């Protein structure tokens, strides 16, 4: 951790910076998604309490997935001797965190959008496309009257 003379290793500084930036990005994105996503979820579920509960569950899942990824991806087996190597490695790690954040967001929006469209289709009372016209009656066999007494012909 420390080099001779009491200086901290470049790799330790890289790890600390990586954790600070990744945790900061995760908290910022989670808050933004939670705040702005609640409106979308209220529309999707048409029930405010359910939307808030789902929103909270999504935020917890988001934190668990992203912070889990951040901690797993922190380890780097290669030695980092210079500041430029540390910055290159740091940019790669933070870039991967951003990609994971984006993929999680895209998946959530995609899944909830599909659910919303499905729910709206179920609630629809009108066909999605207005009818253009009517089909002509098809010729075919006429129904046969049941056997029995024949009614008298109409009087003239």
Protein backbone atom coordinates (compact mmCIF):
# COMPACT_ATOMS: atom_id res chain seq x y z
CA UNK A 1 0.00 0.00 0.00
CA UNK A 2 2.76 2.41 0.89
CA UNK A 3 6.02 2.85 -0.94
CA UNK A 4 9.27 3.60 0.79
CA UNK A 5 9.18 7.03 2.28
CA UNK A 6 5.50 6.79 3.27
CA UNK A 7 4.00 7.62 -0.17
CA UNK A 8 0.83 5.82 -1.16
CA UNK A 9 1.00 3.49 -4.12
CA UNK A 10 -0.44 4.82 -7.42
CA UNK A 11 -2.74 1.79 -7.61
CA UNK A 12 -4.27 2.57 -4.21
CA UNK A 13 -5.05 6.12 -5.37
CA UNK A 14 -6.57 4.66 -8.53
CA UNK A 15 -8.79 2.33 -6.46
CA UNK A 16 -9.91 5.13 -4.14
CA UNK A 17 -10.71 7.40 -7.07
CA UNK A 18 -12.55 4.58 -8.84
CA UNK A 19 -14.68 3.87 -5.78
CA UNK A 20 -15.46 7.55 -5.18
CA UNK A 21 -16.43 8.23 -8.80
CA UNK A 22 -18.38 4.97 -9.24
CA UNK A 23 -20.34 5.32 -6.00
CA UNK A 24 -21.04 8.97 -6.75
CA UNK A 25 -22.29 8.16 -10.25
CA UNK A 26 -24.42 5.30 -8.93
CA UNK A 27 -26.09 7.48 -6.28
CA UNK A 28 -26.65 10.34 -8.75
CA UNK A 29 -28.17 8.10 -11.44
CA UNK A 30 -30.31 6.19 -8.91
CA UNK A 31 -31.77 9.43 -7.53
CA UNK A 32 -32.45 10.82 -11.00
CA UNK A 33 -34.08 7.59 -12.15
CA UNK A 34 -36.13 7.31 -8.97
CA UNK A 35 -37.37 10.90 -9.12
CA UNK A 36 -38.17 10.96 -12.83
CA UNK A 37 -39.17 7.31 -13.10
CA UNK A 38 -41.95 7.62 -10.54
CA UNK A 39 -44.06 9.62 -13.01
CA UNK A 40 -43.55 6.93 -15.65
CA UNK A 41 -44.32 4.11 -13.19
CA UNK A 42 -47.51 5.85 -12.02
CA UNK A 43 -48.64 5.86 -15.66
CA UNK A 44 -47.60 2.24 -16.19
CA UNK A 45 -49.36 0.86 -13.12
CA UNK A 46 -52.22 3.39 -12.78
CA UNK A 47 -51.86 3.06 -8.99
CA UNK A 48 -49.67 5.56 -7.09
CA UNK A 49 -48.91 3.26 -4.12
CA UNK A 50 -47.93 0.39 -6.40
CA UNK A 51 -45.78 2.73 -8.51
CA UNK A 52 -43.94 4.00 -5.40
CA UNK A 53 -43.35 0.44 -4.14
CA UNK A 54 -42.03 -0.72 -7.52
CA UNK A 55 -39.88 2.40 -7.76
CA UNK A 56 -38.29 1.66 -4.37
CA UNK A 57 -37.68 -1.97 -5.33
CA UNK A 58 -36.08 -0.92 -8.61
CA UNK A 59 -33.78 1.51 -6.79
CA UNK A 60 -32.67 -1.18 -4.33
CA UNK A 61 -32.05 -3.62 -7.18
CA UNK A 62 -30.19 -0.93 -9.09
CA UNK A 63 -27.89 -0.26 -6.13
CA UNK A 64 -27.26 -3.95 -5.53
CA UNK A 65 -26.45 -4.73 -9.15
CA UNK A 66 -24.32 -1.69 -9.82
CA UNK A 67 -22.39 -1.57 -6.56
CA UNK A 68 -21.87 -5.33 -6.81
CA UNK A 69 -20.40 -4.84 -10.26
CA UNK A 70 -18.24 -1.93 -9.07
CA UNK A 71 -16.71 -3.99 -6.28
CA UNK A 72 -16.14 -7.08 -8.45
CA UNK A 73 -14.57 -5.02 -11.24
CA UNK A 74 -12.28 -3.11 -8.88
CA UNK A 75 -9.53 -5.73 -8.71
CA UNK A 76 -6.81 -5.33 -11.27
CA UNK A 77 -4.11 -7.99 -11.52
CA UNK A 78 -1.74 -5.93 -13.66
CA UNK A 79 0.76 -3.70 -11.88
CA UNK A 80 0.13 0.03 -12.15
CA UNK A 81 3.42 1.85 -11.84
CA UNK A 82 2.74 5.26 -13.38
CA UNK A 83 0.03 7.86 -13.11
CA UNK A 84 -0.78 7.55 -16.82
CA UNK A 85 -1.32 3.79 -16.46
CA UNK A 86 -3.56 4.47 -13.47
CA UNK A 87 -5.61 7.01 -15.44
CA UNK A 88 -5.98 4.62 -18.38
CA UNK A 89 -7.13 1.81 -16.09
CA UNK A 90 -9.41 4.19 -14.21
CA UNK A 91 -11.05 5.42 -17.39
CA UNK A 92 -11.65 1.83 -18.52
CA UNK A 93 -13.23 0.88 -15.20
CA UNK A 94 -15.44 3.98 -14.99
CA UNK A 95 -16.43 3.55 -18.63
CA UNK A 96 -17.58 0.01 -17.87
CA UNK A 97 -19.56 1.26 -14.87
CA UNK A 98 -21.28 3.81 -17.11
CA UNK A 99 -22.10 1.11 -19.66
CA UNK A 100 -23.60 -1.09 -16.94
CA UNK A 101 -25.66 1.87 -15.67
CA UNK A 102 -26.91 2.55 -19.19
CA UNK A 103 -27.78 -1.10 -19.87
CA UNK A 104 -29.69 -1.40 -16.60
CA UNK A 105 -31.62 1.75 -17.40
CA UNK A 106 -32.39 0.62 -20.95
CA UNK A 107 -33.59 -2.80 -19.76
CA UNK A 108 -35.89 -1.25 -17.14
CA UNK A 109 -37.42 1.23 -19.58
CA UNK A 110 -37.86 -1.47 -22.23
CA UNK A 111 -39.51 -3.94 -19.83
CA UNK A 112 -41.81 -1.34 -18.28
CA UNK A 113 -42.73 0.04 -21.70
CA UNK A 114 -43.78 -3.42 -22.86
CA UNK A 115 -45.83 -3.92 -19.71
CA UNK A 116 -47.51 -0.52 -20.21
CA UNK A 117 -48.41 -1.27 -23.85
CA UNK A 118 -49.84 -4.63 -22.83
CA UNK A 119 -51.95 -3.05 -20.07
CA UNK A 120 -53.21 -0.33 -22.41
CA UNK A 121 -54.19 -2.94 -25.01
CA UNK A 122 -56.20 -4.80 -22.39
CA UNK A 123 -58.00 -1.63 -21.35
CA UNK A 124 -58.81 -0.50 -24.89
CA UNK A 125 -62.51 -0.58 -25.80
CA UNK A 126 -62.11 0.48 -29.40
CA UNK A 127 -60.24 -1.41 -32.08
CA UNK A 128 -56.79 0.01 -32.73
CA UNK A 129 -57.73 0.77 -36.36
CA UNK A 130 -61.12 2.10 -37.44
CA UNK A 131 -63.01 -0.27 -39.74
CA UNK A 132 -62.81 0.70 -43.40
CA UNK A 133 -66.10 -0.87 -44.47
CA UNK A 134 -68.26 -3.94 -44.19
CA UNK A 135 -67.70 -7.27 -45.81
CA UNK A 136 -70.53 -8.39 -48.16
CA UNK A 137 -72.65 -11.27 -46.97
CA UNK A 138 -71.31 -14.55 -48.22
CA UNK A 139 -73.71 -16.73 -50.23
CA UNK A 140 -74.29 -20.07 -48.65
CA UNK A 141 -76.96 -22.46 -47.57
CA UNK A 142 -79.96 -20.86 -45.94
CA UNK A 143 -81.09 -22.17 -42.58
CA UNK A 144 -83.79 -24.78 -42.82
CA UNK A 145 -87.03 -24.13 -40.92
CA UNK A 146 -87.83 -26.75 -38.30
CA UNK A 147 -90.34 -29.42 -39.32
CA UNK A 148 -93.80 -28.98 -37.98
CA UNK A 149 -97.07 -27.30 -38.83
CA UNK A 150 -96.72 -24.73 -41.53
CA UNK A 151 -98.07 -21.31 -40.58
CA UNK A 152 -100.95 -20.09 -42.69
CA UNK A 153 -100.10 -17.77 -45.56
CA UNK A 154 -100.68 -14.09 -44.84
CA UNK A 155 -104.14 -12.79 -45.66
CA UNK A 156 -104.55 -10.51 -48.65
